[in-house]
Amino acid sequence: MVEKYHKAIRSRAVQERSVAVSCFKNVWLSNASPFALVTNVRQTDLKQKADMAVNPAIIDTGINTVEEVRALLKCDQMYRNVAMYNLLCSGMESGKLKKIPKKGKTTISDLLTVAHEAWIRMELHYNLKEQSARHSGTKAENTERREEWQAFCALVLKDRDDNEEQATLDRGIAVTDSTVNDDEDDEDDEAEAVPACDPKYFKRK
């Protein structure tokens, strides 16, 4: 079965990844999105030459450059930036991402597993390296991206442990015992499906 179907499965997986990354960019890197961290990033938004521009709400927090936004995405203290955390959560709450229904304000662990948040933050980090960034898909780059994703998972997990509760309060959401994810007993079917990855990255609230 592996020999017969592996090419088709790989092709479908690549397509799904591509669709998902396009959704991430539409929500957080599109000039037309109210949740954009940075604008003038995608090829479709560059009909007129312009430099990448950081969202004014983020600039108000003292983050002025795209490189600083990238550094926050790959940081275990991103939640401490009120604007970044709010834009990330608001984009997910908008219902514009597949299988995440539109909903009111909530904490991030109620929306995404650590693994999925790490993927989103990693893709945004890669795509902010330059305008119209592209993923070549070479074996070396894919290996690098897997290693980067593991690093992002560890950063996101620490960010949640250290900063999610305060970030939730900063968005005006009352924190209860069940608001933020501090439960280590839940199991997730997806964790079992990827045994090479640490199961704690796939647990949700």
C-alpha atoms as a PDB file:
ATOM      1  CA  MET A   1       0.000   0.000   0.000  1.00  0.00           C
ATOM      2  CA  VAL A   2       2.846   2.376   0.807  1.00  0.00           C
ATOM      3  CA  GLU A   3       4.453   1.816  -2.591  1.00  0.00           C
ATOM      4  CA  LYS A   4       1.145   2.194  -4.400  1.00  0.00           C
ATOM      5  CA  TYR A   5      -0.247   5.276  -2.703  1.00  0.00           C
ATOM      6  CA  HIS A   6       2.677   7.265  -1.298  1.00  0.00           C
ATOM      7  CA  LYS A   7       2.989   9.574  -4.323  1.00  0.00           C
ATOM      8  CA  ALA A   8      -0.718  10.399  -4.332  1.00  0.00           C
ATOM      9  CA  ILE A   9      -0.734  10.989  -0.577  1.00  0.00           C
ATOM     10  CA  ARG A  10       2.336  13.193  -0.780  1.00  0.00           C
ATOM     11  CA  SER A  11       0.814  15.206  -3.624  1.00  0.00           C
ATOM     12  CA  ARG A  12      -2.421  15.713  -1.663  1.00  0.00           C
ATOM     13  CA  ALA A  13      -0.472  16.731   1.444  1.00  0.00           C
ATOM     14  CA  VAL A  14       1.517  19.310  -0.530  1.00  0.00           C
ATOM     15  CA  GLN A  15      -1.699  20.709  -1.969  1.00  0.00           C
ATOM     16  CA  GLU A  16      -3.304  20.940   1.473  1.00  0.00           C
ATOM     17  CA  ARG A  17      -0.234  22.673   2.872  1.00  0.00           C
ATOM     18  CA  SER A  18      -0.273  25.164   0.014  1.00  0.00           C
ATOM     19  CA  VAL A  19      -3.961  25.949   0.535  1.00  0.00           C
ATOM     20  CA  ALA A  20      -3.444  26.404   4.268  1.00  0.00           C
ATOM     21  CA  VAL A  21      -0.462  28.729   3.824  1.00  0.00           C
ATOM     22  CA  SER A  22      -2.466  30.799   1.329  1.00  0.00           C
ATOM     23  CA  CYS A  23      -5.178  31.154   3.985  1.00  0.00           C
ATOM     24  CA  PHE A  24      -2.623  32.253   6.577  1.00  0.00           C
ATOM     25  CA  LYS A  25      -1.314  34.917   4.202  1.00  0.00           C
ATOM     26  CA  ASN A  26      -4.832  36.065   3.318  1.00  0.00           C
ATOM     27  CA  VAL A  27      -5.645  36.620   6.971  1.00  0.00           C
ATOM     28  CA  TRP A  28      -2.395  38.041   8.372  1.00  0.00           C
ATOM     29  CA  LEU A  29      -0.435  39.386   5.387  1.00  0.00           C
ATOM     30  CA  SER A  30      -3.081  40.720   3.003  1.00  0.00           C
ATOM     31  CA  ASN A  31      -3.586  44.432   2.367  1.00  0.00           C
ATOM     32  CA  ALA A  32      -7.340  43.812   2.426  1.00  0.00           C
ATOM     33  CA  SER A  33      -7.356  42.062   5.822  1.00  0.00           C
ATOM     34  CA  PRO A  34      -8.131  43.984   9.036  1.00  0.00           C
ATOM     35  CA  PHE A  35      -5.916  41.463  10.858  1.00  0.00           C
ATOM     36  CA  ALA A  36      -2.762  42.004   8.769  1.00  0.00           C
ATOM     37  CA  LEU A  37       0.423  42.152  10.814  1.00  0.00           C
ATOM     38  CA  VAL A  38       2.292  43.589   7.823  1.00  0.00           C
ATOM     39  CA  THR A  39       1.052  44.789   4.427  1.00  0.00           C
ATOM     40  CA  ASN A  40       2.613  44.962   0.946  1.00  0.00           C
ATOM     41  CA  VAL A  41       3.904  41.418   1.349  1.00  0.00           C
ATOM     42  CA  ARG A  42       2.074  39.234  -1.187  1.00  0.00           C
ATOM     43  CA  GLN A  43       2.683  39.401  -4.918  1.00  0.00           C
ATOM     44  CA  THR A  44      -1.004  40.187  -5.527  1.00  0.00           C
ATOM     45  CA  ASP A  45      -0.718  43.300  -3.330  1.00  0.00           C
ATOM     46  CA  LEU A  46       2.281  44.716  -5.178  1.00  0.00           C
ATOM     47  CA  LYS A  47       0.617  46.197  -8.240  1.00  0.00           C
ATOM     48  CA  GLN A  48       2.299  49.440  -7.244  1.00  0.00           C
ATOM     49  CA  LYS A  49       5.796  49.299  -5.803  1.00  0.00           C
ATOM     50  CA  ALA A  50       5.747  49.855  -2.042  1.00  0.00           C
ATOM     51  CA  ASP A  51       7.773  48.731   0.949  1.00  0.00           C
ATOM     52  CA  MET A  52       6.353  46.333   3.512  1.00  0.00           C
ATOM     53  CA  ALA A  53       4.515  48.241   6.243  1.00  0.00           C
ATOM     54  CA  VAL A  54       3.863  47.193   9.844  1.00  0.00           C
ATOM     55  CA  ASN A  55       0.293  47.477  11.165  1.00  0.00           C
ATOM     56  CA  PRO A  56      -0.115  50.840  12.996  1.00  0.00           C
ATOM     57  CA  ALA A  57      -1.516  49.046  16.058  1.00  0.00           C
ATOM     58  CA  ILE A  58       1.753  47.116  16.334  1.00  0.00           C
ATOM     59  CA  ILE A  59       3.796  50.278  15.776  1.00  0.00           C
ATOM     60  CA  ASP A  60       1.934  51.838  18.723  1.00  0.00           C
ATOM     61  CA  THR A  61       3.484  49.137  20.932  1.00  0.00           C
ATOM     62  CA  GLY A  62       7.009  50.163  19.910  1.00  0.00           C
ATOM     63  CA  ILE A  63       7.528  47.556  17.180  1.00  0.00           C
ATOM     64  CA  ASN A  64       8.423  49.551  14.065  1.00  0.00           C
ATOM     65  CA  THR A  65      10.105  47.217  11.579  1.00  0.00           C
ATOM     66  CA  VAL A  66       9.272  43.985   9.784  1.00  0.00           C
ATOM     67  CA  GLU A  67      12.359  42.380  11.295  1.00  0.00           C
ATOM     68  CA  GLU A  68      11.026  43.156  14.770  1.00  0.00           C
ATOM     69  CA  VAL A  69       7.692  41.561  13.847  1.00  0.00           C
ATOM     70  CA  ARG A  70       9.548  38.473  12.619  1.00  0.00           C
ATOM     71  CA  ALA A  71      11.544  38.362  15.848  1.00  0.00           C
ATOM     72  CA  LEU A  72       8.330  38.484  17.898  1.00  0.00           C
ATOM     73  CA  LEU A  73       6.786  35.659  15.891  1.00  0.00           C
ATOM     74  CA  LYS A  74       9.815  33.512  16.719  1.00  0.00           C
ATOM     75  CA  CYS A  75       9.840  34.386  20.394  1.00  0.00           C
ATOM     76  CA  ASP A  76       8.479  32.858  23.585  1.00  0.00           C
ATOM     77  CA  GLN A  77       7.115  36.265  24.657  1.00  0.00           C
ATOM     78  CA  MET A  78       4.995  37.223  21.649  1.00  0.00           C
ATOM     79  CA  TYR A  79       1.820  37.170  23.744  1.00  0.00           C
ATOM     80  CA  ARG A  80       3.191  40.078  25.768  1.00  0.00           C
ATOM     81  CA  ASN A  81       2.704  42.317  22.750  1.00  0.00           C
ATOM     82  CA  VAL A  82      -0.978  43.182  23.073  1.00  0.00           C
ATOM     83  CA  ALA A  83      -1.441  44.153  19.412  1.00  0.00           C
ATOM     84  CA  MET A  84       0.276  41.070  17.969  1.00  0.00           C
ATOM     85  CA  TYR A  85      -1.642  38.687  20.203  1.00  0.00           C
ATOM     86  CA  ASN A  86      -4.951  40.418  19.491  1.00  0.00           C
ATOM     87  CA  LEU A  87      -4.437  40.372  15.717  1.00  0.00           C
ATOM     88  CA  LEU A  88      -3.440  36.699  15.779  1.00  0.00           C
ATOM     89  CA  CYS A  89      -6.487  35.723  17.841  1.00  0.00           C
ATOM     90  CA  SER A  90      -8.887  38.019  15.983  1.00  0.00           C
ATOM     91  CA  GLY A  91      -7.837  36.518  12.665  1.00  0.00           C
ATOM     92  CA  MET A  92      -8.624  33.043  13.937  1.00  0.00           C
ATOM     93  CA  GLU A  93     -11.909  34.138  15.531  1.00  0.00           C
ATOM     94  CA  SER A  94     -13.017  35.705  12.237  1.00  0.00           C
ATOM     95  CA  GLY A  95     -14.001  32.351  10.747  1.00  0.00           C
ATOM     96  CA  LYS A  96     -11.728  32.873   7.734  1.00  0.00           C
ATOM     97  CA  LEU A  97      -9.634  29.784   8.498  1.00  0.00           C
ATOM     98  CA  LYS A  98     -10.897  26.345   7.516  1.00  0.00           C
ATOM     99  CA  LYS A  99     -12.495  24.337  10.354  1.00  0.00           C
ATOM    100  CA  ILE A 100     -12.227  27.241  12.820  1.00  0.00           C
ATOM    101  CA  PRO A 101     -15.792  28.630  13.077  1.00  0.00           C
ATOM    102  CA  LYS A 102     -16.437  32.318  13.647  1.00  0.00           C
ATOM    103  CA  LYS A 103     -16.693  33.031  17.360  1.00  0.00           C
ATOM    104  CA  GLY A 104     -16.341  35.762  19.938  1.00  0.00           C
ATOM    105  CA  LYS A 105     -13.191  36.629  21.829  1.00  0.00           C
ATOM    106  CA  THR A 106     -11.514  33.698  23.510  1.00  0.00           C
ATOM    107  CA  THR A 107      -8.060  32.554  24.494  1.00  0.00           C
ATOM    108  CA  ILE A 108      -5.715  31.130  21.899  1.00  0.00           C
ATOM    109  CA  SER A 109      -5.529  27.611  23.328  1.00  0.00           C
ATOM    110  CA  ASP A 110      -9.286  27.328  22.765  1.00  0.00           C
ATOM    111  CA  LEU A 111      -8.663  27.896  19.059  1.00  0.00           C
ATOM    112  CA  LEU A 112      -5.469  26.043  18.151  1.00  0.00           C
ATOM    113  CA  THR A 113      -3.121  23.370  19.365  1.00  0.00           C
ATOM    114  CA  VAL A 114       0.474  24.392  20.027  1.00  0.00           C
ATOM    115  CA  ALA A 115       1.494  22.550  16.862  1.00  0.00           C
ATOM    116  CA  HIS A 116      -0.925  24.475  14.645  1.00  0.00           C
ATOM    117  CA  GLU A 117      -0.090  27.851  16.149  1.00  0.00           C
ATOM    118  CA  ALA A 118       3.614  27.068  15.695  1.00  0.00           C
ATOM    119  CA  TRP A 119       2.973  26.294  12.022  1.00  0.00           C
ATOM    120  CA  ILE A 120       1.115  29.570  11.478  1.00  0.00           C
ATOM    121  CA  ARG A 121       3.784  31.628  13.228  1.00  0.00           C
ATOM    122  CA  MET A 122       6.537  29.839  11.312  1.00  0.00           C
ATOM    123  CA  GLU A 123       4.882  30.420   7.932  1.00  0.00           C
ATOM    124  CA  LEU A 124       4.343  34.109   8.677  1.00  0.00           C
ATOM    125  CA  HIS A 125       7.971  34.361   9.804  1.00  0.00           C
ATOM    126  CA  TYR A 126       9.173  32.802   6.535  1.00  0.00           C
ATOM    127  CA  ASN A 127       6.900  34.917   4.361  1.00  0.00           C
ATOM    128  CA  LEU A 128       8.014  38.161   6.000  1.00  0.00           C
ATOM    129  CA  LYS A 129      11.625  37.540   5.062  1.00  0.00           C
ATOM    130  CA  GLU A 130      11.004  39.382   1.800  1.00  0.00           C
ATOM    131  CA  GLN A 131       8.196  40.467  -0.470  1.00  0.00           C
ATOM    132  CA  SER A 132       6.646  37.704  -2.582  1.00  0.00           C
ATOM    133  CA  ALA A 133       8.574  35.046  -0.665  1.00  0.00           C
ATOM    134  CA  ARG A 134       8.477  31.547  -2.143  1.00  0.00           C
ATOM    135  CA  HIS A 135       8.960  28.037  -0.749  1.00  0.00           C
ATOM    136  CA  SER A 136      11.209  26.053  -3.096  1.00  0.00           C
ATOM    137  CA  GLY A 137      10.309  22.634  -1.683  1.00  0.00           C
ATOM    138  CA  THR A 138      13.788  21.159  -1.959  1.00  0.00           C
ATOM    139  CA  LYS A 139      14.714  18.290   0.353  1.00  0.00           C
ATOM    140  CA  ALA A 140      17.184  20.490   2.247  1.00  0.00           C
ATOM    141  CA  GLU A 141      14.614  23.252   2.751  1.00  0.00           C
ATOM    142  CA  ASN A 142      11.930  20.796   3.864  1.00  0.00           C
ATOM    143  CA  THR A 143      14.323  19.352   6.444  1.00  0.00           C
ATOM    144  CA  GLU A 144      15.115  22.855   7.666  1.00  0.00           C
ATOM    145  CA  ARG A 145      11.417  23.715   7.934  1.00  0.00           C
ATOM    146  CA  ARG A 146      10.690  20.590   9.990  1.00  0.00           C
ATOM    147  CA  GLU A 147      13.444  21.567  12.410  1.00  0.00           C
ATOM    148  CA  GLU A 148      12.174  25.138  12.514  1.00  0.00           C
ATOM    149  CA  TRP A 149       8.653  23.926  13.253  1.00  0.00           C
ATOM    150  CA  GLN A 150       9.902  21.909  16.226  1.00  0.00           C
ATOM    151  CA  ALA A 151      11.681  25.025  17.504  1.00  0.00           C
ATOM    152  CA  PHE A 152       8.511  27.082  17.085  1.00  0.00           C
ATOM    153  CA  CYS A 153       6.493  24.428  18.962  1.00  0.00           C
ATOM    154  CA  ALA A 154       8.777  24.777  21.980  1.00  0.00           C
ATOM    155  CA  LEU A 155       8.553  28.587  21.850  1.00  0.00           C
ATOM    156  CA  VAL A 156       4.758  28.571  21.574  1.00  0.00           C
ATOM    157  CA  LEU A 157       4.377  26.111  24.442  1.00  0.00           C
ATOM    158  CA  LYS A 158       6.518  28.311  26.700  1.00  0.00           C
ATOM    159  CA  ASP A 159       4.648  31.441  25.566  1.00  0.00           C
ATOM    160  CA  ARG A 160       1.372  29.802  26.568  1.00  0.00           C
ATOM    161  CA  ASP A 161       2.689  28.594  29.906  1.00  0.00           C
ATOM    162  CA  ASP A 162       4.176  31.961  30.836  1.00  0.00           C
ATOM    163  CA  ASN A 163       1.989  34.555  29.157  1.00  0.00           C
ATOM    164  CA  GLU A 164      -1.370  33.263  27.931  1.00  0.00           C
ATOM    165  CA  GLU A 165      -3.314  34.088  31.076  1.00  0.00           C
ATOM    166  CA  GLN A 166      -2.178  37.718  31.148  1.00  0.00           C
ATOM    167  CA  ALA A 167      -2.627  38.071  27.387  1.00  0.00           C
ATOM    168  CA  THR A 168      -6.203  36.846  27.778  1.00  0.00           C
ATOM    169  CA  LEU A 169      -6.855  39.423  30.496  1.00  0.00           C
ATOM    170  CA  ASP A 170      -5.322  42.130  28.308  1.00  0.00           C
ATOM    171  CA  ARG A 171      -7.956  41.348  25.642  1.00  0.00           C
ATOM    172  CA  GLY A 172     -10.670  41.966  28.221  1.00  0.00           C
ATOM    173  CA  ILE A 173     -11.567  38.320  28.777  1.00  0.00           C
ATOM    174  CA  ALA A 174     -12.198  37.107  32.303  1.00  0.00           C
ATOM    175  CA  VAL A 175      -9.900  34.215  33.194  1.00  0.00           C
ATOM    176  CA  THR A 176     -11.379  31.152  34.867  1.00  0.00           C
ATOM    177  CA  ASP A 177      -9.826  27.779  35.688  1.00  0.00           C
ATOM    178  CA  SER A 178     -10.953  26.484  32.279  1.00  0.00           C
ATOM    179  CA  THR A 179     -10.101  29.538  30.180  1.00  0.00           C
ATOM    180  CA  VAL A 180      -6.450  28.765  29.552  1.00  0.00           C
ATOM    181  CA  ASN A 181      -4.980  25.375  28.818  1.00  0.00           C
ATOM    182  CA  ASP A 182      -3.234  23.980  31.873  1.00  0.00           C
ATOM    183  CA  ASP A 183      -4.616  20.445  31.588  1.00  0.00           C
ATOM    184  CA  GLU A 184      -2.041  17.755  30.823  1.00  0.00           C
ATOM    185  CA  ASP A 185      -4.503  14.877  30.888  1.00  0.00           C
ATOM    186  CA  ASP A 186      -6.358  15.420  27.622  1.00  0.00           C
ATOM    187  CA  GLU A 187      -5.564  13.114  24.735  1.00  0.00           C
ATOM    188  CA  ASP A 188      -5.797  14.027  21.065  1.00  0.00           C
ATOM    189  CA  ASP A 189      -6.210  11.565  18.208  1.00  0.00           C
ATOM    190  CA  GLU A 190      -3.935  13.678  16.043  1.00  0.00           C
ATOM    191  CA  ALA A 191      -1.091  13.234  18.516  1.00  0.00           C
ATOM    192  CA  GLU A 192      -1.275   9.472  18.093  1.00  0.00           C
ATOM    193  CA  ALA A 193      -1.279   9.888  14.320  1.00  0.00           C
ATOM    194  CA  VAL A 194       2.140  11.593  14.446  1.00  0.00           C
ATOM    195  CA  PRO A 195       4.143   9.554  16.977  1.00  0.00           C
ATOM    196  CA  ALA A 196       7.435  11.236  16.035  1.00  0.00           C
ATOM    197  CA  CYS A 197       6.134  14.526  17.428  1.00  0.00           C
ATOM    198  CA  ASP A 198       5.745  15.321  21.107  1.00  0.00           C
ATOM    199  CA  PRO A 199       2.061  14.686  21.980  1.00  0.00           C
ATOM    200  CA  LYS A 200       1.891  17.752  24.209  1.00  0.00           C
ATOM    201  CA  TYR A 201       2.100  19.943  21.104  1.00  0.00           C
ATOM    202  CA  PHE A 202      -1.159  18.498  19.821  1.00  0.00           C
ATOM    203  CA  LYS A 203      -3.278  18.884  22.947  1.00  0.00           C
ATOM    204  CA  ARG A 204      -6.037  21.420  23.055  1.00  0.00           C
ATOM    205  CA  LYS A 205      -7.944  22.889  25.933  1.00  0.00           C
END
